[in-house]
N, C-alpha and C. Protein backbone atom coordinates (compact mmCIF):
# COMPACT_ATOMS: atom_id res chain seq x y z
N UNK A 1 40.54 -42.50 29.38
CA UNK A 1 39.87 -41.23 29.14
C UNK A 1 38.70 -41.11 30.11
N UNK A 2 38.80 -40.19 31.02
CA UNK A 2 37.71 -39.99 31.97
C UNK A 2 37.12 -38.61 31.74
N UNK A 3 35.81 -38.56 31.85
CA UNK A 3 35.12 -37.28 31.69
C UNK A 3 34.42 -36.96 33.00
N UNK A 4 34.30 -35.71 33.27
CA UNK A 4 33.64 -35.30 34.50
C UNK A 4 32.13 -35.42 34.34
N UNK A 5 31.41 -35.59 35.41
CA UNK A 5 29.94 -35.70 35.33
C UNK A 5 29.28 -34.48 34.71
N UNK A 6 29.87 -33.30 34.92
CA UNK A 6 29.24 -32.10 34.37
C UNK A 6 29.32 -32.08 32.84
N UNK A 7 30.41 -32.59 32.27
CA UNK A 7 30.49 -32.61 30.81
C UNK A 7 29.54 -33.64 30.23
N UNK A 8 29.29 -34.75 30.96
CA UNK A 8 28.30 -35.72 30.50
C UNK A 8 26.91 -35.11 30.51
N UNK A 9 26.59 -34.32 31.52
CA UNK A 9 25.28 -33.67 31.58
C UNK A 9 25.10 -32.71 30.42
N UNK A 10 26.15 -31.98 30.07
CA UNK A 10 26.08 -31.05 28.95
C UNK A 10 25.87 -31.81 27.65
N UNK A 11 26.56 -32.92 27.49
CA UNK A 11 26.40 -33.73 26.28
C UNK A 11 24.98 -34.27 26.18
N UNK A 12 24.43 -34.78 27.26
CA UNK A 12 23.06 -35.28 27.26
C UNK A 12 22.06 -34.17 26.97
N UNK A 13 22.32 -32.98 27.48
CA UNK A 13 21.45 -31.84 27.23
C UNK A 13 21.44 -31.48 25.75
N UNK A 14 22.60 -31.43 25.13
CA UNK A 14 22.70 -31.08 23.71
C UNK A 14 22.01 -32.14 22.85
N UNK A 15 22.24 -33.41 23.16
CA UNK A 15 21.59 -34.49 22.41
C UNK A 15 20.07 -34.42 22.59
N UNK A 16 19.61 -34.12 23.79
CA UNK A 16 18.18 -33.99 24.05
C UNK A 16 17.55 -32.86 23.25
N UNK A 17 18.24 -31.74 23.18
CA UNK A 17 17.75 -30.61 22.39
C UNK A 17 17.65 -30.98 20.92
N UNK A 18 18.65 -31.67 20.38
CA UNK A 18 18.63 -32.07 18.98
C UNK A 18 17.49 -33.05 18.70
N UNK A 19 17.28 -34.01 19.59
CA UNK A 19 16.21 -34.98 19.40
C UNK A 19 14.84 -34.28 19.46
N UNK A 20 14.66 -33.40 20.44
CA UNK A 20 13.39 -32.68 20.56
C UNK A 20 13.14 -31.81 19.33
N UNK A 21 14.18 -31.17 18.81
CA UNK A 21 14.03 -30.35 17.61
C UNK A 21 13.65 -31.19 16.40
N UNK A 22 14.26 -32.36 16.26
CA UNK A 22 13.94 -33.24 15.13
C UNK A 22 12.49 -33.73 15.21
N UNK A 23 12.04 -34.08 16.41
CA UNK A 23 10.66 -34.52 16.58
C UNK A 23 9.70 -33.38 16.28
N UNK A 24 9.99 -32.20 16.79
CA UNK A 24 9.14 -31.03 16.53
C UNK A 24 9.06 -30.69 15.06
N UNK A 25 10.19 -30.74 14.38
CA UNK A 25 10.20 -30.46 12.94
C UNK A 25 9.41 -31.50 12.18
N UNK A 26 9.54 -32.76 12.56
CA UNK A 26 8.79 -33.83 11.90
C UNK A 26 7.29 -33.65 12.06
N UNK A 27 6.87 -33.30 13.26
CA UNK A 27 5.44 -33.07 13.49
C UNK A 27 4.95 -31.89 12.67
N UNK A 28 5.72 -30.80 12.64
CA UNK A 28 5.34 -29.63 11.84
C UNK A 28 5.26 -29.97 10.36
N UNK A 29 6.26 -30.68 9.86
CA UNK A 29 6.34 -30.96 8.43
C UNK A 29 5.20 -31.85 7.97
N UNK A 30 4.85 -32.85 8.75
CA UNK A 30 3.84 -33.80 8.31
C UNK A 30 2.41 -33.38 8.65
N UNK A 31 2.22 -32.30 9.41
CA UNK A 31 0.86 -31.87 9.72
C UNK A 31 0.52 -30.52 9.10
N UNK A 32 1.31 -29.50 9.33
CA UNK A 32 0.97 -28.14 8.90
C UNK A 32 1.95 -27.57 7.89
N UNK A 33 2.99 -28.27 7.60
CA UNK A 33 4.09 -27.71 6.84
C UNK A 33 3.79 -27.47 5.38
N UNK A 34 4.80 -27.01 4.66
CA UNK A 34 4.64 -26.73 3.24
C UNK A 34 4.38 -28.03 2.47
N UNK A 35 3.72 -27.90 1.34
CA UNK A 35 3.45 -29.07 0.51
C UNK A 35 2.28 -29.89 1.00
N UNK A 36 1.43 -29.27 1.80
CA UNK A 36 0.25 -29.98 2.28
C UNK A 36 -0.74 -30.20 1.16
N UNK A 37 -1.72 -30.98 1.43
CA UNK A 37 -2.71 -31.28 0.41
C UNK A 37 -3.55 -30.05 0.10
N UNK A 38 -3.93 -29.91 -1.15
CA UNK A 38 -4.79 -28.81 -1.56
C UNK A 38 -6.21 -29.10 -1.14
N UNK A 39 -6.91 -28.04 -0.76
CA UNK A 39 -8.29 -28.20 -0.33
C UNK A 39 -9.20 -27.72 -1.45
N UNK A 40 -10.07 -28.60 -1.90
CA UNK A 40 -11.02 -28.27 -2.96
C UNK A 40 -12.41 -28.57 -2.44
N UNK A 41 -13.29 -27.60 -2.61
CA UNK A 41 -14.69 -27.79 -2.19
C UNK A 41 -15.56 -27.85 -3.43
N UNK A 42 -16.30 -28.93 -3.56
CA UNK A 42 -17.21 -29.11 -4.69
C UNK A 42 -18.63 -29.18 -4.15
N UNK A 43 -19.51 -28.32 -4.66
CA UNK A 43 -20.90 -28.36 -4.23
C UNK A 43 -21.81 -28.43 -5.44
N UNK A 44 -22.83 -29.26 -5.31
CA UNK A 44 -23.80 -29.45 -6.38
C UNK A 44 -25.16 -28.99 -5.87
N UNK A 45 -25.78 -28.07 -6.56
CA UNK A 45 -27.08 -27.55 -6.14
C UNK A 45 -27.95 -27.25 -7.34
N UNK A 46 -29.03 -26.53 -7.09
CA UNK A 46 -29.97 -26.19 -8.15
C UNK A 46 -29.33 -25.26 -9.19
N UNK A 47 -28.35 -24.49 -8.77
CA UNK A 47 -27.69 -23.54 -9.68
C UNK A 47 -26.62 -24.22 -10.53
N UNK A 48 -26.29 -25.46 -10.26
CA UNK A 48 -25.26 -26.16 -11.01
C UNK A 48 -24.16 -26.67 -10.09
N UNK A 49 -22.99 -26.84 -10.65
CA UNK A 49 -21.84 -27.36 -9.91
C UNK A 49 -20.88 -26.21 -9.64
N UNK A 50 -20.44 -26.08 -8.40
CA UNK A 50 -19.46 -25.06 -8.01
C UNK A 50 -18.21 -25.78 -7.53
N UNK A 51 -17.05 -25.31 -7.98
CA UNK A 51 -15.76 -25.84 -7.52
C UNK A 51 -14.98 -24.67 -6.94
N UNK A 52 -14.62 -24.77 -5.69
CA UNK A 52 -13.88 -23.70 -4.99
C UNK A 52 -12.54 -24.28 -4.54
N UNK A 53 -11.47 -23.84 -5.19
CA UNK A 53 -10.13 -24.27 -4.79
C UNK A 53 -9.50 -23.27 -3.86
N UNK A 54 -9.18 -23.69 -2.64
CA UNK A 54 -8.60 -22.77 -1.65
C UNK A 54 -7.13 -22.69 -1.81
C-alpha cells in the first residue's frame, strides 16, 4: 500500500488542526469557560460586613 506525498500532507494537516483545536478548547475550558469559580467580595468596615456575590 503506497500513498502519495500529497495525501500524507493532507493527513498531517487534518491531524494538526484537530490537535490545535483540542489544545485551544482545553485552554478555554480551564481558564475562562463555563463552571468557573464564583467571585465573592467580602468587605468589613465601620458600617458592618458587606458580602457582594458577582
